Every structure is written in C-alpha cells, then in structure tokens.
C-alpha cells in the first residue's frame, strides 16, 4: 500500500509539472506574439505617422497590414477570455500610443507583478500582462482609452460573485451576486458564432475587421475570414468583445 501511494504521488507530481510546462510554453508564445505585434506597429507608424485604430489577428491578405506580416499572431486559445486586446486613444484622429493586453495562464509568473497586473488589469480586469508603445508607461486606463466589457468576467475587484449564465436563445442572462464587488456579468443573449445573413450575388459575406458587419444589426459581430481569407463563402460571424456594444 505504501509503495502504491508513493507511485500515485509521483504520478500526480509528474502530471502537475507537465501541465505547468504546457502553460509556460503557451505563455512564452504570448509574450513573443506581443513583441511581434509591437514590431509590426512600429513599422506601420514609421510609414503611416499614426498607429492603426484596430488590429485583429489572422491573415493580412488584402488588408492594411499586408507587407508587414503574412499573418498577425492569435492567442493560443483565442476565445472570449484569452485573446490579444489592442487599445488606443479613441477619437483623437491620429493615434499616438497603444497598448496590447493578454492573459497568461501561469498566474504565478513574476512578470505579472512587474508589469503592474497583479489582481488583473485592462478591460474587465481580464488580463495580467501588457505591452505598449514607448510613450506609454501606465497600465491603468488612460483618458480616452476604450475598454470593452469582456463577457463572463466579474466587474468587481474584491467580489466573489460568479458569472451569470450566458443565454443563447436571444434573451439576456442574469449576473451573479458579488460580495465586495459587482458580481458576474450575465450572458449577452447572442451566440458566439453565426452564419452571415448579408448576401452579395447570392454569396454570404461579412467584413473581417469591421464591427457590426455581419447582419442582423445590433450584435457586435465581425467576420473571422473562414478558412480561406480570399473566399467569402466560408466566412463566419463571431462575437467580438472589442466591438462596442
């Protein structure tokens, strides 16, 4: 029995260590991806004077970043909770600074504290690591910086509320009750992915970098470009937290 218990403990330690290495590997990629975004943005502003008003990961084929990168890196998980969030000074005409936020899975990474993200930072406090242009040093929200609400993330810093259920039938979910915070956000009533309903010569289409381009009007959907960016017939509309609601 003692031998079996020792073997079981060793297996558990091995599984934990393996999982930790997987997390560290994905986090290393996230940091490298953000560095690649930074290089692309600096090359872009050298040519265009201003930073762009939006950056979305994926193929740059036929888009404004074509020639800088063939593909802008996406987060390894790339879902509502794990994504690269690009923010800037909205409404100023010429964007002179930017920030990019991401969420590291290894929450014990010391760099989280070094960049001021212990306890969370960025929109909805969903992120714990960030980089920015050379003229930005403050992780807190800056004047004019648009922070979208991240679905399913509690609003409060000190609350223990749970996120409300996400509705998929067109109704609004109810947020959880927070204790010291604001509790969880309810579902927004929209499915994460839908078929586009706009048509051009009978072909469904949407626009990959334009919010609300997928029809019906209202939900903040944009196009994911499908499997082949040059062919709109396999496009899907995805709910994007970056789009203003």
C-alpha atoms as a PDB file:
ATOM      1  CA  UNK A   1       0.000   0.000   0.000  1.00  0.00           C
ATOM      2  CA  UNK A   2       2.832   2.396   0.856  1.00  0.00           C
ATOM      3  CA  UNK A   3       4.560   1.666  -2.471  1.00  0.00           C
ATOM      4  CA  UNK A   4       1.308   2.232  -4.388  1.00  0.00           C
ATOM      5  CA  UNK A   5       0.726   5.525  -2.545  1.00  0.00           C
ATOM      6  CA  UNK A   6       4.262   6.720  -3.316  1.00  0.00           C
ATOM      7  CA  UNK A   7       3.828   5.817  -7.004  1.00  0.00           C
ATOM      8  CA  UNK A   8       0.483   7.666  -7.113  1.00  0.00           C
ATOM      9  CA  UNK A   9       2.031  10.770  -5.567  1.00  0.00           C
ATOM     10  CA  UNK A  10       4.893  10.670  -8.046  1.00  0.00           C
ATOM     11  CA  UNK A  11       2.437  10.371 -10.945  1.00  0.00           C
ATOM     12  CA  UNK A  12       0.439  13.345  -9.677  1.00  0.00           C
ATOM     13  CA  UNK A  13       3.614  15.414  -9.310  1.00  0.00           C
ATOM     14  CA  UNK A  14       4.616  14.439 -12.840  1.00  0.00           C
ATOM     15  CA  UNK A  15       1.207  15.419 -14.245  1.00  0.00           C
ATOM     16  CA  UNK A  16       1.305  18.762 -12.418  1.00  0.00           C
ATOM     17  CA  UNK A  17       4.830  19.500 -13.662  1.00  0.00           C
ATOM     18  CA  UNK A  18       3.874  18.555 -17.230  1.00  0.00           C
ATOM     19  CA  UNK A  19       0.795  20.792 -17.128  1.00  0.00           C
ATOM     20  CA  UNK A  20       2.851  23.667 -15.741  1.00  0.00           C
ATOM     21  CA  UNK A  21       5.336  23.331 -18.591  1.00  0.00           C
ATOM     22  CA  UNK A  22       2.478  23.412 -21.105  1.00  0.00           C
ATOM     23  CA  UNK A  23       1.163  26.617 -19.560  1.00  0.00           C
ATOM     24  CA  UNK A  24       4.621  28.181 -19.557  1.00  0.00           C
ATOM     25  CA  UNK A  25       5.057  27.218 -23.195  1.00  0.00           C
ATOM     26  CA  UNK A  26       1.815  28.932 -24.232  1.00  0.00           C
ATOM     27  CA  UNK A  27       2.673  31.970 -22.136  1.00  0.00           C
ATOM     28  CA  UNK A  28       6.117  32.208 -23.772  1.00  0.00           C
ATOM     29  CA  UNK A  29       4.377  32.235 -27.127  1.00  0.00           C
ATOM     30  CA  UNK A  30       2.017  35.000 -25.921  1.00  0.00           C
ATOM     31  CA  UNK A  31       4.943  37.198 -24.908  1.00  0.00           C
ATOM     32  CA  UNK A  32       6.682  36.541 -28.236  1.00  0.00           C
ATOM     33  CA  UNK A  33       3.456  37.272 -30.142  1.00  0.00           C
ATOM     34  CA  UNK A  34       3.039  40.630 -28.405  1.00  0.00           C
ATOM     35  CA  UNK A  35       6.652  41.500 -29.231  1.00  0.00           C
ATOM     36  CA  UNK A  36       5.861  40.663 -32.863  1.00  0.00           C
ATOM     37  CA  UNK A  37       2.776  42.895 -32.740  1.00  0.00           C
ATOM     38  CA  UNK A  38       4.939  45.706 -31.355  1.00  0.00           C
ATOM     39  CA  UNK A  39       7.479  45.423 -34.168  1.00  0.00           C
ATOM     40  CA  UNK A  40       4.705  45.420 -36.764  1.00  0.00           C
ATOM     41  CA  UNK A  41       3.070  48.502 -35.207  1.00  0.00           C
ATOM     42  CA  UNK A  42       6.348  50.415 -35.082  1.00  0.00           C
ATOM     43  CA  UNK A  43       7.000  49.596 -38.738  1.00  0.00           C
ATOM     44  CA  UNK A  44       3.440  50.703 -39.508  1.00  0.00           C
ATOM     45  CA  UNK A  45       3.691  54.079 -37.760  1.00  0.00           C
ATOM     46  CA  UNK A  46       7.006  54.801 -39.489  1.00  0.00           C
ATOM     47  CA  UNK A  47       5.107  54.595 -42.780  1.00  0.00           C
ATOM     48  CA  UNK A  48       1.717  55.977 -41.714  1.00  0.00           C
ATOM     49  CA  UNK A  49       2.526  58.552 -38.964  1.00  0.00           C
ATOM     50  CA  UNK A  50      -0.362  57.240 -36.788  1.00  0.00           C
ATOM     51  CA  UNK A  51      -0.958  53.892 -35.118  1.00  0.00           C
ATOM     52  CA  UNK A  52      -3.956  51.967 -36.516  1.00  0.00           C
ATOM     53  CA  UNK A  53      -7.425  52.177 -34.978  1.00  0.00           C
ATOM     54  CA  UNK A  54      -7.766  48.426 -34.781  1.00  0.00           C
ATOM     55  CA  UNK A  55      -5.690  45.274 -35.021  1.00  0.00           C
ATOM     56  CA  UNK A  56      -7.234  41.823 -35.376  1.00  0.00           C
ATOM     57  CA  UNK A  57      -5.214  38.637 -35.533  1.00  0.00           C
ATOM     58  CA  UNK A  58      -5.274  36.469 -38.628  1.00  0.00           C
ATOM     59  CA  UNK A  59      -4.206  36.655 -42.249  1.00  0.00           C
ATOM     60  CA  UNK A  60      -3.209  40.074 -43.590  1.00  0.00           C
ATOM     61  CA  UNK A  61      -4.057  39.105 -47.174  1.00  0.00           C
ATOM     62  CA  UNK A  62      -5.576  42.152 -48.869  1.00  0.00           C
ATOM     63  CA  UNK A  63      -5.597  44.117 -45.596  1.00  0.00           C
ATOM     64  CA  UNK A  64      -3.773  47.224 -44.384  1.00  0.00           C
ATOM     65  CA  UNK A  65      -1.018  45.176 -42.686  1.00  0.00           C
ATOM     66  CA  UNK A  66      -0.154  43.186 -45.784  1.00  0.00           C
ATOM     67  CA  UNK A  67       3.565  43.565 -46.411  1.00  0.00           C
ATOM     68  CA  UNK A  68       4.392  43.839 -42.710  1.00  0.00           C
ATOM     69  CA  UNK A  69       3.367  40.296 -41.759  1.00  0.00           C
ATOM     70  CA  UNK A  70       1.690  37.499 -43.669  1.00  0.00           C
ATOM     71  CA  UNK A  71      -0.322  36.656 -40.567  1.00  0.00           C
ATOM     72  CA  UNK A  72      -0.853  38.525 -37.299  1.00  0.00           C
ATOM     73  CA  UNK A  73      -0.453  36.046 -34.409  1.00  0.00           C
ATOM     74  CA  UNK A  74      -3.529  34.996 -32.427  1.00  0.00           C
ATOM     75  CA  UNK A  75      -3.618  33.888 -28.797  1.00  0.00           C
ATOM     76  CA  UNK A  76      -3.006  30.106 -28.493  1.00  0.00           C
ATOM     77  CA  UNK A  77      -6.552  29.665 -27.117  1.00  0.00           C
ATOM     78  CA  UNK A  78      -8.121  32.701 -28.821  1.00  0.00           C
ATOM     79  CA  UNK A  79     -11.539  32.823 -27.198  1.00  0.00           C
ATOM     80  CA  UNK A  80     -13.552  35.375 -25.239  1.00  0.00           C
ATOM     81  CA  UNK A  81     -11.330  35.104 -22.155  1.00  0.00           C
ATOM     82  CA  UNK A  82      -7.975  34.552 -23.847  1.00  0.00           C
ATOM     83  CA  UNK A  83      -7.218  36.999 -26.649  1.00  0.00           C
ATOM     84  CA  UNK A  84      -4.932  39.852 -27.572  1.00  0.00           C
ATOM     85  CA  UNK A  85      -6.670  43.141 -26.745  1.00  0.00           C
ATOM     86  CA  UNK A  86      -5.433  46.199 -28.658  1.00  0.00           C
ATOM     87  CA  UNK A  87      -6.457  49.577 -27.230  1.00  0.00           C
ATOM     88  CA  UNK A  88      -5.621  53.165 -28.124  1.00  0.00           C
ATOM     89  CA  UNK A  89      -6.718  56.759 -27.586  1.00  0.00           C
ATOM     90  CA  UNK A  90     -10.134  56.679 -29.217  1.00  0.00           C
ATOM     91  CA  UNK A  91     -11.496  59.704 -31.040  1.00  0.00           C
ATOM     92  CA  UNK A  92      -8.299  61.749 -31.306  1.00  0.00           C
ATOM     93  CA  UNK A  93      -7.965  61.406 -35.079  1.00  0.00           C
ATOM     94  CA  UNK A  94      -4.314  60.338 -35.072  1.00  0.00           C
ATOM     95  CA  UNK A  95      -3.410  57.598 -32.610  1.00  0.00           C
ATOM     96  CA  UNK A  96      -0.077  58.351 -30.948  1.00  0.00           C
ATOM     97  CA  UNK A  97       0.017  55.444 -28.498  1.00  0.00           C
ATOM     98  CA  UNK A  98      -1.333  51.938 -27.984  1.00  0.00           C
ATOM     99  CA  UNK A  99      -1.485  49.068 -25.505  1.00  0.00           C
ATOM    100  CA  UNK A 100      -1.820  45.328 -26.058  1.00  0.00           C
ATOM    101  CA  UNK A 101      -3.135  43.133 -23.253  1.00  0.00           C
ATOM    102  CA  UNK A 102      -3.042  39.370 -22.888  1.00  0.00           C
ATOM    103  CA  UNK A 103      -3.856  36.809 -20.215  1.00  0.00           C
ATOM    104  CA  UNK A 104      -1.092  34.469 -19.044  1.00  0.00           C
ATOM    105  CA  UNK A 105      -2.230  31.046 -17.853  1.00  0.00           C
ATOM    106  CA  UNK A 106       0.596  30.657 -15.337  1.00  0.00           C
ATOM    107  CA  UNK A 107      -0.714  33.137 -12.780  1.00  0.00           C
ATOM    108  CA  UNK A 108       2.454  32.749 -10.681  1.00  0.00           C
ATOM    109  CA  UNK A 109       4.666  34.234 -13.362  1.00  0.00           C
ATOM    110  CA  UNK A 110       6.606  37.042 -11.595  1.00  0.00           C
ATOM    111  CA  UNK A 111       6.337  39.258 -14.667  1.00  0.00           C
ATOM    112  CA  UNK A 112       2.643  39.786 -13.825  1.00  0.00           C
ATOM    113  CA  UNK A 113       3.671  41.793 -10.764  1.00  0.00           C
ATOM    114  CA  UNK A 114       6.491  43.517 -12.635  1.00  0.00           C
ATOM    115  CA  UNK A 115       4.073  44.967 -15.209  1.00  0.00           C
ATOM    116  CA  UNK A 116       1.561  46.028 -12.529  1.00  0.00           C
ATOM    117  CA  UNK A 117      -1.105  43.459 -13.320  1.00  0.00           C
ATOM    118  CA  UNK A 118      -1.387  41.605 -10.014  1.00  0.00           C
ATOM    119  CA  UNK A 119      -5.119  41.250  -9.420  1.00  0.00           C
ATOM    120  CA  UNK A 120      -5.827  41.830 -13.099  1.00  0.00           C
ATOM    121  CA  UNK A 121      -5.548  44.752 -15.499  1.00  0.00           C
ATOM    122  CA  UNK A 122      -7.056  46.007 -18.705  1.00  0.00           C
ATOM    123  CA  UNK A 123     -10.696  45.695 -19.787  1.00  0.00           C
ATOM    124  CA  UNK A 124     -12.812  43.989 -17.080  1.00  0.00           C
ATOM    125  CA  UNK A 125      -9.512  43.189 -15.274  1.00  0.00           C
ATOM    126  CA  UNK A 126      -9.443  40.142 -17.537  1.00  0.00           C
ATOM    127  CA  UNK A 127      -5.733  40.419 -18.376  1.00  0.00           C
ATOM    128  CA  UNK A 128      -2.489  40.098 -16.436  1.00  0.00           C
ATOM    129  CA  UNK A 129       0.231  41.108 -18.894  1.00  0.00           C
ATOM    130  CA  UNK A 130       0.612  44.013 -21.286  1.00  0.00           C
ATOM    131  CA  UNK A 131       2.985  45.878 -23.542  1.00  0.00           C
ATOM    132  CA  UNK A 132       2.603  49.289 -25.154  1.00  0.00           C
ATOM    133  CA  UNK A 133       4.187  51.923 -27.310  1.00  0.00           C
ATOM    134  CA  UNK A 134       7.326  53.540 -25.917  1.00  0.00           C
ATOM    135  CA  UNK A 135       5.396  56.625 -24.764  1.00  0.00           C
ATOM    136  CA  UNK A 136       3.010  54.654 -22.506  1.00  0.00           C
ATOM    137  CA  UNK A 137       4.059  53.564 -19.015  1.00  0.00           C
ATOM    138  CA  UNK A 138       0.721  53.457 -17.141  1.00  0.00           C
ATOM    139  CA  UNK A 139      -1.214  50.180 -17.058  1.00  0.00           C
ATOM    140  CA  UNK A 140      -4.356  51.877 -15.702  1.00  0.00           C
ATOM    141  CA  UNK A 141      -6.981  53.090 -18.146  1.00  0.00           C
ATOM    142  CA  UNK A 142      -5.855  56.339 -19.764  1.00  0.00           C
ATOM    143  CA  UNK A 143      -8.131  59.226 -20.771  1.00  0.00           C
ATOM    144  CA  UNK A 144      -9.919  58.305 -23.981  1.00  0.00           C
ATOM    145  CA  UNK A 145      -8.812  54.662 -23.857  1.00  0.00           C
ATOM    146  CA  UNK A 146     -11.762  52.472 -24.858  1.00  0.00           C
ATOM    147  CA  UNK A 147     -12.126  49.374 -22.679  1.00  0.00           C
ATOM    148  CA  UNK A 148     -14.869  47.000 -23.842  1.00  0.00           C
ATOM    149  CA  UNK A 149     -16.642  44.781 -21.327  1.00  0.00           C
ATOM    150  CA  UNK A 150     -15.413  41.189 -21.530  1.00  0.00           C
ATOM    151  CA  UNK A 151     -18.413  38.788 -21.405  1.00  0.00           C
ATOM    152  CA  UNK A 152     -18.456  36.467 -18.396  1.00  0.00           C
ATOM    153  CA  UNK A 153     -15.834  38.347 -16.364  1.00  0.00           C
ATOM    154  CA  UNK A 154     -16.797  39.770 -12.934  1.00  0.00           C
ATOM    155  CA  UNK A 155     -16.744  43.549 -12.704  1.00  0.00           C
ATOM    156  CA  UNK A 156     -15.605  43.903  -9.070  1.00  0.00           C
ATOM    157  CA  UNK A 157     -12.053  43.511  -7.840  1.00  0.00           C
ATOM    158  CA  UNK A 158     -12.988  42.240  -4.379  1.00  0.00           C
ATOM    159  CA  UNK A 159     -16.200  40.363  -5.083  1.00  0.00           C
ATOM    160  CA  UNK A 160     -16.795  36.665  -5.029  1.00  0.00           C
ATOM    161  CA  UNK A 161     -19.733  36.770  -7.397  1.00  0.00           C
ATOM    162  CA  UNK A 162     -19.933  34.147 -10.107  1.00  0.00           C
ATOM    163  CA  UNK A 163     -20.636  34.968 -13.756  1.00  0.00           C
ATOM    164  CA  UNK A 164     -24.275  34.608 -14.712  1.00  0.00           C
ATOM    165  CA  UNK A 165     -25.285  32.031 -17.309  1.00  0.00           C
ATOM    166  CA  UNK A 166     -24.793  33.039 -20.911  1.00  0.00           C
ATOM    167  CA  UNK A 167     -28.067  32.938 -22.758  1.00  0.00           C
ATOM    168  CA  UNK A 168     -28.095  31.519 -26.291  1.00  0.00           C
ATOM    169  CA  UNK A 169     -31.778  31.949 -27.102  1.00  0.00           C
ATOM    170  CA  UNK A 170     -31.766  35.703 -27.634  1.00  0.00           C
ATOM    171  CA  UNK A 171     -32.593  36.623 -24.030  1.00  0.00           C
ATOM    172  CA  UNK A 172     -30.302  38.280 -21.522  1.00  0.00           C
ATOM    173  CA  UNK A 173     -28.633  36.217 -18.808  1.00  0.00           C
ATOM    174  CA  UNK A 174     -28.546  37.311 -15.173  1.00  0.00           C
ATOM    175  CA  UNK A 175     -25.311  38.259 -13.459  1.00  0.00           C
ATOM    176  CA  UNK A 176     -24.169  36.614 -10.227  1.00  0.00           C
ATOM    177  CA  UNK A 177     -24.192  38.420  -6.896  1.00  0.00           C
ATOM    178  CA  UNK A 178     -20.834  39.783  -5.766  1.00  0.00           C
ATOM    179  CA  UNK A 179     -19.660  40.214  -2.203  1.00  0.00           C
ATOM    180  CA  UNK A 180     -17.451  43.308  -2.166  1.00  0.00           C
ATOM    181  CA  UNK A 181     -17.515  43.551  -5.963  1.00  0.00           C
ATOM    182  CA  UNK A 182     -20.144  43.838  -8.625  1.00  0.00           C
ATOM    183  CA  UNK A 183     -20.644  40.181  -9.288  1.00  0.00           C
ATOM    184  CA  UNK A 184     -20.532  38.404 -12.636  1.00  0.00           C
ATOM    185  CA  UNK A 185     -21.865  39.684 -15.887  1.00  0.00           C
ATOM    186  CA  UNK A 186     -24.886  37.990 -17.342  1.00  0.00           C
ATOM    187  CA  UNK A 187     -24.867  36.496 -20.785  1.00  0.00           C
ATOM    188  CA  UNK A 188     -25.389  38.895 -23.642  1.00  0.00           C
ATOM    189  CA  UNK A 189     -28.011  36.782 -25.336  1.00  0.00           C
ATOM    190  CA  UNK A 190     -26.003  36.309 -28.551  1.00  0.00           C
ATOM    191  CA  UNK A 191     -24.416  33.061 -29.810  1.00  0.00           C
ATOM    192  CA  UNK A 192     -20.640  33.219 -30.189  1.00  0.00           C
ATOM    193  CA  UNK A 193     -20.758  32.354 -33.886  1.00  0.00           C
ATOM    194  CA  UNK A 194     -23.443  32.683 -36.557  1.00  0.00           C
ATOM    195  CA  UNK A 195     -23.774  32.408 -40.312  1.00  0.00           C
ATOM    196  CA  UNK A 196     -23.695  35.793 -42.077  1.00  0.00           C
ATOM    197  CA  UNK A 197     -27.083  36.845 -43.409  1.00  0.00           C
ATOM    198  CA  UNK A 198     -25.882  39.618 -45.742  1.00  0.00           C
ATOM    199  CA  UNK A 199     -25.571  38.447 -49.330  1.00  0.00           C
ATOM    200  CA  UNK A 200     -23.855  39.715 -52.470  1.00  0.00           C
ATOM    201  CA  UNK A 201     -24.865  37.927 -55.661  1.00  0.00           C
ATOM    202  CA  UNK A 202     -26.195  35.107 -53.502  1.00  0.00           C
ATOM    203  CA  UNK A 203     -22.939  34.685 -51.530  1.00  0.00           C
ATOM    204  CA  UNK A 204     -22.986  35.246 -47.787  1.00  0.00           C
ATOM    205  CA  UNK A 205     -20.318  37.650 -46.661  1.00  0.00           C
ATOM    206  CA  UNK A 206     -19.066  39.782 -43.792  1.00  0.00           C
ATOM    207  CA  UNK A 207     -16.103  42.099 -43.237  1.00  0.00           C
ATOM    208  CA  UNK A 208     -13.272  40.747 -41.098  1.00  0.00           C
ATOM    209  CA  UNK A 209     -12.163  43.974 -39.407  1.00  0.00           C
ATOM    210  CA  UNK A 210     -15.451  45.886 -39.222  1.00  0.00           C
ATOM    211  CA  UNK A 211     -17.761  45.589 -36.224  1.00  0.00           C
ATOM    212  CA  UNK A 212     -21.482  45.046 -36.914  1.00  0.00           C
ATOM    213  CA  UNK A 213     -20.696  43.902 -40.467  1.00  0.00           C
ATOM    214  CA  UNK A 214     -22.408  40.532 -40.290  1.00  0.00           C
ATOM    215  CA  UNK A 215     -26.123  41.355 -40.062  1.00  0.00           C
ATOM    216  CA  UNK A 216     -28.519  41.311 -38.310  1.00  0.00           C
ATOM    217  CA  UNK A 217     -27.850  44.788 -36.954  1.00  0.00           C
ATOM    218  CA  UNK A 218     -27.182  45.114 -33.241  1.00  0.00           C
ATOM    219  CA  UNK A 219     -24.839  42.347 -32.014  1.00  0.00           C
ATOM    220  CA  UNK A 220     -21.142  43.256 -32.264  1.00  0.00           C
ATOM    221  CA  UNK A 221     -20.233  40.584 -34.803  1.00  0.00           C
ATOM    222  CA  UNK A 222     -17.384  40.725 -37.273  1.00  0.00           C
ATOM    223  CA  UNK A 223     -16.034  38.206 -39.760  1.00  0.00           C
ATOM    224  CA  UNK A 224     -13.428  35.553 -38.920  1.00  0.00           C
ATOM    225  CA  UNK A 225     -12.435  35.171 -42.629  1.00  0.00           C
ATOM    226  CA  UNK A 226     -13.187  31.449 -42.541  1.00  0.00           C
ATOM    227  CA  UNK A 227     -10.546  29.006 -43.721  1.00  0.00           C
ATOM    228  CA  UNK A 228      -9.680  30.921 -46.892  1.00  0.00           C
ATOM    229  CA  UNK A 229      -9.461  34.737 -46.497  1.00  0.00           C
ATOM    230  CA  UNK A 230      -9.812  35.374 -50.234  1.00  0.00           C
ATOM    231  CA  UNK A 231     -13.057  33.360 -50.450  1.00  0.00           C
ATOM    232  CA  UNK A 232     -16.056  34.893 -48.575  1.00  0.00           C
ATOM    233  CA  UNK A 233     -18.260  31.826 -48.965  1.00  0.00           C
ATOM    234  CA  UNK A 234     -16.912  30.110 -45.817  1.00  0.00           C
ATOM    235  CA  UNK A 235     -16.915  33.214 -43.598  1.00  0.00           C
ATOM    236  CA  UNK A 236     -18.489  33.055 -40.146  1.00  0.00           C
ATOM    237  CA  UNK A 237     -19.630  35.897 -37.923  1.00  0.00           C
ATOM    238  CA  UNK A 238     -18.058  35.847 -34.469  1.00  0.00           C
ATOM    239  CA  UNK A 239     -18.996  37.828 -31.368  1.00  0.00           C
ATOM    240  CA  UNK A 240     -16.086  40.168 -30.677  1.00  0.00           C
ATOM    241  CA  UNK A 241     -15.695  41.843 -27.237  1.00  0.00           C
ATOM    242  CA  UNK A 242     -13.533  44.509 -28.866  1.00  0.00           C
ATOM    243  CA  UNK A 243     -16.560  45.831 -30.739  1.00  0.00           C
ATOM    244  CA  UNK A 244     -18.511  48.433 -28.774  1.00  0.00           C
ATOM    245  CA  UNK A 245     -21.871  47.088 -27.645  1.00  0.00           C
END
